[in-house]
């Protein structure tokens, strides 16, 4: 069960629409604020011109400091901004107790080991979802819409490749910090720590709360051709939290997933392994289905071994 205790009027079920609107507005405001602050910092820090900033933002910069600047923008304007938005909404708007002591008290070593196999099973099954989602074709009458999505996908992939095309170990470590740790911590605090317990309370259904949050989590990344695998990951993170009563599990799982991908990209660039982030290979059905079996079995085992020691009243 999620931990999010509040008696605030705005957070009550009867005010769900107002609560969601305020959550959205505060989050957008904080994200814009920290995006602006990050730009304010990197321009003088790396001596970037306005043209450099625009090229960095689109993944087309040839400036030797461009990638490091973009990583700082991502770290402050996304990862750290989600942390701040979560705390502002929880403490100042909902006046809620997120129960951080309970999160640590409910964390156990054996379920943590099981969690690794849960994520590994999810990764294997996701190869099938990546294949299906990446090769999805719209009917002919939606050709223009499909072309628009493909163009957006190409822009995002160009930015992703630029962001992860590390030229040094220092850039790799910065990538792990920003893409792995900061993104994992910030997004899990916001989506699983704040949004999921709200949606669980407002819908009255744990599973609906998990999957609605996972849907929103995937949608905000604005990447249609990666929507399904990202939503599955979001749902896995959500169930890890619900079954354990500890945000530590989904935070570590998210960090592990992102960091694993970042390291694979770097090893692929060095030629140590055959890995290309923009290629969608045909999935192996036996491997994917084996991953699904591993995911289901280990998630069930996780739910049995990670029952929370301490609980908290749910959002009213």
Protein backbone atom coordinates (compact mmCIF):
# COMPACT_ATOMS: atom_id res chain seq x y z
CA UNK A 1 0.00 0.00 0.00
CA UNK A 2 1.23 3.50 -0.83
CA UNK A 3 2.12 5.90 1.97
CA UNK A 4 0.55 9.35 1.60
CA UNK A 5 -1.31 10.74 4.60
CA UNK A 6 -3.19 14.02 4.39
CA UNK A 7 -6.30 15.66 5.77
CA UNK A 8 -6.16 18.57 3.34
CA UNK A 9 -9.49 19.49 1.76
CA UNK A 10 -8.02 19.86 -1.71
CA UNK A 11 -6.69 16.29 -1.62
CA UNK A 12 -10.02 14.68 -0.79
CA UNK A 13 -11.72 12.42 -3.30
CA UNK A 14 -14.58 14.89 -3.77
CA UNK A 15 -12.06 17.48 -5.04
CA UNK A 16 -10.14 15.12 -7.33
CA UNK A 17 -10.44 17.32 -10.42
CA UNK A 18 -9.19 20.44 -8.62
CA UNK A 19 -6.37 18.41 -7.08
CA UNK A 20 -5.27 17.09 -10.48
CA UNK A 21 -5.41 20.55 -12.07
CA UNK A 22 -3.35 22.11 -9.25
CA UNK A 23 -0.87 19.22 -9.43
CA UNK A 24 -0.51 19.74 -13.18
CA UNK A 25 -0.09 23.52 -12.95
CA UNK A 26 2.43 23.41 -10.10
CA UNK A 27 4.45 20.72 -11.87
CA UNK A 28 4.56 22.61 -15.17
CA UNK A 29 5.52 25.80 -13.33
CA UNK A 30 8.37 24.13 -11.44
CA UNK A 31 9.64 22.38 -14.59
CA UNK A 32 9.69 25.66 -16.53
CA UNK A 33 11.38 27.45 -13.62
CA UNK A 34 14.20 24.93 -13.35
CA UNK A 35 14.60 24.69 -17.12
CA UNK A 36 15.14 28.45 -17.10
CA UNK A 37 17.56 28.28 -14.17
CA UNK A 38 19.55 25.52 -15.83
CA UNK A 39 19.89 27.59 -19.02
CA UNK A 40 20.91 30.58 -16.91
CA UNK A 41 23.69 28.46 -15.40
CA UNK A 42 25.06 26.62 -18.45
CA UNK A 43 25.29 29.64 -20.77
CA UNK A 44 28.02 31.43 -18.78
CA UNK A 45 29.47 28.19 -17.38
CA UNK A 46 30.24 26.77 -20.82
CA UNK A 47 30.37 30.11 -22.68
CA UNK A 48 27.51 29.17 -24.99
CA UNK A 49 25.84 31.52 -27.45
CA UNK A 50 22.09 31.56 -28.12
CA UNK A 51 22.75 29.60 -31.32
CA UNK A 52 24.73 27.03 -29.32
CA UNK A 53 21.85 26.62 -26.87
CA UNK A 54 19.35 26.02 -29.68
CA UNK A 55 21.66 23.45 -31.27
CA UNK A 56 22.21 21.72 -27.94
CA UNK A 57 18.45 21.56 -27.32
CA UNK A 58 17.91 19.82 -30.68
CA UNK A 59 20.90 17.49 -30.42
CA UNK A 60 22.76 19.13 -33.29
CA UNK A 61 25.53 20.95 -31.46
CA UNK A 62 29.19 20.48 -32.35
CA UNK A 63 30.31 22.43 -29.31
CA UNK A 64 32.66 20.20 -27.23
CA UNK A 65 30.81 21.26 -24.07
CA UNK A 66 27.36 20.82 -25.57
CA UNK A 67 26.65 17.34 -24.23
CA UNK A 68 27.71 18.21 -20.70
CA UNK A 69 25.56 21.35 -20.87
CA UNK A 70 22.55 19.31 -22.01
CA UNK A 71 23.09 16.80 -19.21
CA UNK A 72 23.06 19.62 -16.66
CA UNK A 73 19.88 21.04 -18.24
CA UNK A 74 18.27 17.60 -18.03
CA UNK A 75 19.43 17.01 -14.49
CA UNK A 76 18.20 20.34 -13.11
CA UNK A 77 15.25 20.93 -15.44
CA UNK A 78 13.78 17.44 -15.22
CA UNK A 79 15.16 15.15 -12.50
CA UNK A 80 15.67 17.76 -9.77
CA UNK A 81 12.57 19.69 -10.87
CA UNK A 82 10.36 16.62 -10.30
CA UNK A 83 11.77 16.27 -6.79
CA UNK A 84 10.98 19.91 -6.01
CA UNK A 85 7.51 19.71 -7.59
CA UNK A 86 6.71 16.63 -5.49
CA UNK A 87 7.76 18.29 -2.24
CA UNK A 88 5.96 21.56 -3.05
CA UNK A 89 2.68 19.77 -3.84
CA UNK A 90 2.91 17.32 -0.95
CA UNK A 91 3.98 19.80 1.72
CA UNK A 92 2.42 23.11 0.67
CA UNK A 93 -0.69 22.05 -1.27
CA UNK A 94 -1.77 18.66 0.11
CA UNK A 95 0.00 19.16 3.46
CA UNK A 96 0.80 15.47 3.28
CA UNK A 97 3.22 13.18 5.07
CA UNK A 98 4.96 10.96 2.50
CA UNK A 99 6.29 8.71 5.27
CA UNK A 100 9.98 8.60 4.33
CA UNK A 101 10.83 6.73 7.56
CA UNK A 102 8.34 4.03 6.62
CA UNK A 103 9.84 3.72 3.15
CA UNK A 104 13.24 2.86 4.61
CA UNK A 105 11.77 0.68 7.36
CA UNK A 106 9.85 -1.37 4.77
CA UNK A 107 12.92 -1.99 2.62
CA UNK A 108 14.39 -5.51 2.90
CA UNK A 109 17.36 -7.20 1.27
CA UNK A 110 15.74 -10.44 0.01
CA UNK A 111 12.89 -8.62 -1.80
CA UNK A 112 15.56 -6.33 -3.28
CA UNK A 113 17.28 -9.34 -4.85
CA UNK A 114 13.93 -10.58 -6.15
CA UNK A 115 13.26 -7.10 -7.56
CA UNK A 116 16.33 -7.42 -9.79
CA UNK A 117 14.83 -10.53 -11.41
CA UNK A 118 11.50 -8.71 -11.75
CA UNK A 119 13.21 -5.94 -13.72
CA UNK A 120 15.21 -8.44 -15.76
CA UNK A 121 12.01 -10.29 -16.67
CA UNK A 122 10.39 -6.99 -17.61
CA UNK A 123 13.35 -6.09 -19.84
CA UNK A 124 13.12 -9.42 -21.67
CA UNK A 125 9.36 -9.13 -22.23
CA UNK A 126 9.79 -5.51 -23.28
CA UNK A 127 11.83 -6.64 -26.28
CA UNK A 128 8.53 -7.85 -27.74
CA UNK A 129 6.68 -4.63 -26.86
CA UNK A 130 9.53 -2.56 -28.32
CA UNK A 131 9.29 -4.58 -31.54
CA UNK A 132 5.49 -4.33 -31.77
CA UNK A 133 5.34 -0.66 -30.81
CA UNK A 134 8.32 0.38 -32.93
CA UNK A 135 6.95 -1.31 -36.07
CA UNK A 136 3.32 -0.29 -35.61
CA UNK A 137 1.65 0.95 -38.78
CA UNK A 138 -1.43 3.17 -38.94
CA UNK A 139 -4.19 2.71 -41.53
CA UNK A 140 -3.72 4.68 -44.75
CA UNK A 141 -6.21 7.42 -43.85
CA UNK A 142 -3.98 8.33 -40.86
CA UNK A 143 -0.84 8.57 -43.00
CA UNK A 144 -0.24 12.26 -42.18
CA UNK A 145 -0.65 11.60 -38.46
CA UNK A 146 1.77 8.68 -38.70
CA UNK A 147 4.29 10.84 -40.55
CA UNK A 148 4.04 13.48 -37.81
CA UNK A 149 4.70 10.86 -35.12
CA UNK A 150 7.64 9.45 -37.05
CA UNK A 151 9.14 12.91 -37.45
CA UNK A 152 8.76 13.53 -33.72
CA UNK A 153 10.34 10.14 -33.05
CA UNK A 154 13.32 11.01 -35.24
CA UNK A 155 13.80 14.31 -33.39
CA UNK A 156 13.69 12.61 -29.99
CA UNK A 157 16.00 9.82 -31.13
CA UNK A 158 18.49 12.37 -32.47
CA UNK A 159 18.44 14.14 -29.11
CA UNK A 160 18.76 10.84 -27.22
CA UNK A 161 21.70 9.70 -29.34
CA UNK A 162 23.41 13.05 -28.89
CA UNK A 163 22.82 12.94 -25.12
CA UNK A 164 24.21 9.40 -24.75
CA UNK A 165 27.06 9.54 -27.30
CA UNK A 166 29.62 9.90 -24.53
CA UNK A 167 33.16 10.86 -25.51
CA UNK A 168 34.76 10.19 -22.13
CA UNK A 169 34.34 8.36 -18.84
CA UNK A 170 33.53 11.72 -17.24
CA UNK A 171 30.58 12.18 -19.60
CA UNK A 172 29.49 8.60 -18.92
CA UNK A 173 29.50 9.21 -15.17
CA UNK A 174 27.56 12.43 -15.66
CA UNK A 175 25.10 10.49 -17.80
CA UNK A 176 24.66 7.88 -15.08
CA UNK A 177 24.08 10.65 -12.53
CA UNK A 178 21.52 12.51 -14.66
CA UNK A 179 19.80 9.79 -16.72
CA UNK A 180 20.11 7.05 -14.13
CA UNK A 181 20.07 8.49 -10.62
CA UNK A 182 18.41 11.91 -10.98
CA UNK A 183 15.71 10.72 -13.40
CA UNK A 184 15.02 7.58 -11.36
CA UNK A 185 14.74 9.47 -8.09
CA UNK A 186 12.79 12.46 -9.40
CA UNK A 187 10.31 10.57 -11.56
CA UNK A 188 9.60 7.91 -8.96
CA UNK A 189 9.03 10.45 -6.19
CA UNK A 190 6.57 12.28 -8.42
CA UNK A 191 4.77 9.50 -10.28
CA UNK A 192 4.79 6.67 -7.74
CA UNK A 193 5.21 8.70 -4.55
CA UNK A 194 2.70 11.48 -5.29
CA UNK A 195 0.51 10.78 -8.31
CA UNK A 196 -0.13 7.06 -7.86
CA UNK A 197 -1.53 7.24 -4.30
CA UNK A 198 -3.78 10.09 -5.42
CA UNK A 199 -5.15 8.13 -8.38
CA UNK A 200 -5.47 5.00 -6.23
CA UNK A 201 -7.54 6.93 -3.73
CA UNK A 202 -9.65 8.75 -6.33
CA UNK A 203 -10.46 5.59 -8.32
CA UNK A 204 -10.73 3.29 -5.31
CA UNK A 205 -8.78 0.61 -7.18
CA UNK A 206 -5.09 -0.18 -6.74
CA UNK A 207 -4.63 -1.66 -10.21
CA UNK A 208 -6.37 1.25 -11.89
CA UNK A 209 -4.18 3.66 -9.93
CA UNK A 210 -1.04 1.81 -11.01
CA UNK A 211 -1.93 1.64 -14.71
CA UNK A 212 -3.29 5.19 -14.96
CA UNK A 213 -0.06 6.46 -13.43
CA UNK A 214 1.98 4.26 -15.79
CA UNK A 215 -0.02 5.62 -18.74
CA UNK A 216 0.66 9.23 -17.73
CA UNK A 217 4.29 8.41 -16.98
CA UNK A 218 4.76 7.05 -20.50
CA UNK A 219 2.72 9.78 -22.18
CA UNK A 220 4.78 12.67 -20.76
CA UNK A 221 7.85 11.34 -22.54
CA UNK A 222 6.13 12.23 -25.83
CA UNK A 223 7.40 9.13 -27.59
CA UNK A 224 4.64 7.10 -29.27
CA UNK A 225 6.96 4.39 -30.59
CA UNK A 226 8.24 3.69 -27.09
CA UNK A 227 4.91 4.10 -25.34
CA UNK A 228 4.05 0.46 -24.53
CA UNK A 229 7.43 -0.66 -23.13
CA UNK A 230 7.70 2.49 -21.01
CA UNK A 231 4.15 2.03 -19.69
CA UNK A 232 4.96 -1.57 -18.71
CA UNK A 233 8.02 -0.39 -16.80
CA UNK A 234 5.91 2.25 -15.08
CA UNK A 235 3.38 -0.40 -14.04
CA UNK A 236 6.15 -2.65 -12.70
CA UNK A 237 7.50 0.24 -10.63
CA UNK A 238 3.96 0.90 -9.38
CA UNK A 239 3.39 -2.68 -8.24
CA UNK A 240 6.78 -2.80 -6.53
CA UNK A 241 5.60 0.15 -4.43
CA UNK A 242 2.09 -1.15 -3.75
CA UNK A 243 3.23 -4.59 -2.65
CA UNK A 244 6.05 -3.35 -0.40
CA UNK A 245 4.96 0.01 0.97
CA UNK A 246 8.42 1.33 0.13
CA UNK A 247 9.39 3.77 -2.61
CA UNK A 248 12.98 2.55 -2.30
CA UNK A 249 12.25 -0.44 -4.54
CA UNK A 250 10.84 1.45 -7.56
CA UNK A 251 13.51 4.14 -7.21
CA UNK A 252 16.30 1.56 -7.29
CA UNK A 253 14.56 -0.38 -10.08
CA UNK A 254 14.23 2.78 -12.18
CA UNK A 255 17.86 3.74 -11.56
CA UNK A 256 19.01 0.22 -12.45
CA UNK A 257 16.98 0.15 -15.67
CA UNK A 258 18.20 3.56 -16.88
CA UNK A 259 21.82 3.04 -15.84
CA UNK A 260 21.92 -0.40 -17.47
CA UNK A 261 20.78 1.15 -20.76
CA UNK A 262 23.29 4.01 -20.51
CA UNK A 263 26.15 1.58 -19.92
CA UNK A 264 25.02 -0.62 -22.84
CA UNK A 265 25.04 2.43 -25.13
CA UNK A 266 28.57 3.33 -24.03
CA UNK A 267 29.87 -0.23 -24.43
CA UNK A 268 28.23 -0.34 -27.85
CA UNK A 269 30.05 2.82 -28.89
CA UNK A 270 33.36 1.34 -27.72
CA UNK A 271 32.65 -1.77 -29.79
CA UNK A 272 32.63 -4.04 -26.74
CA UNK A 273 29.10 -5.27 -27.48
CA UNK A 274 26.68 -5.13 -30.40
CA UNK A 275 24.13 -2.56 -29.23
CA UNK A 276 22.51 0.32 -31.10
CA UNK A 277 19.86 2.34 -29.29
CA UNK A 278 18.01 3.40 -32.45
CA UNK A 279 17.67 -0.08 -33.96
CA UNK A 280 14.47 -2.08 -33.40
CA UNK A 281 15.41 -5.73 -33.82
CA UNK A 282 12.85 -8.44 -34.37
CA UNK A 283 11.95 -9.86 -30.97
CA UNK A 284 12.44 -13.49 -30.03
CA UNK A 285 9.05 -14.77 -28.89
CA UNK A 286 10.50 -17.55 -26.66
CA UNK A 287 12.81 -15.04 -24.95
CA UNK A 288 10.02 -12.48 -24.52
CA UNK A 289 7.52 -15.03 -23.19
CA UNK A 290 10.20 -16.44 -20.89
CA UNK A 291 10.70 -12.91 -19.61
CA UNK A 292 6.95 -12.57 -19.00
CA UNK A 293 6.90 -15.82 -16.99
CA UNK A 294 9.93 -14.66 -14.98
CA UNK A 295 8.28 -11.26 -14.41
CA UNK A 296 4.98 -12.72 -13.17
CA UNK A 297 6.56 -15.37 -10.93
CA UNK A 298 9.09 -12.99 -9.38
CA UNK A 299 6.53 -10.21 -8.91
CA UNK A 300 4.28 -12.66 -7.04
CA UNK A 301 7.23 -13.81 -4.95
CA UNK A 302 8.14 -10.18 -4.31
CA UNK A 303 4.61 -9.44 -3.07
CA UNK A 304 4.86 -12.33 -0.60
CA UNK A 305 8.34 -11.49 0.73
CA UNK A 306 8.03 -7.70 0.89
CA UNK A 307 4.90 -7.20 2.97
CA UNK A 308 5.35 -3.83 4.74
CA UNK A 309 6.40 -3.70 8.38
CA UNK A 310 4.86 -0.25 8.81
CA UNK A 311 1.79 1.13 7.12
CA UNK A 312 0.28 4.57 6.88
CA UNK A 313 -3.24 5.83 6.43
CA UNK A 314 -4.08 6.26 2.78
CA UNK A 315 -5.13 9.49 1.15
CA UNK A 316 -8.74 10.31 2.02
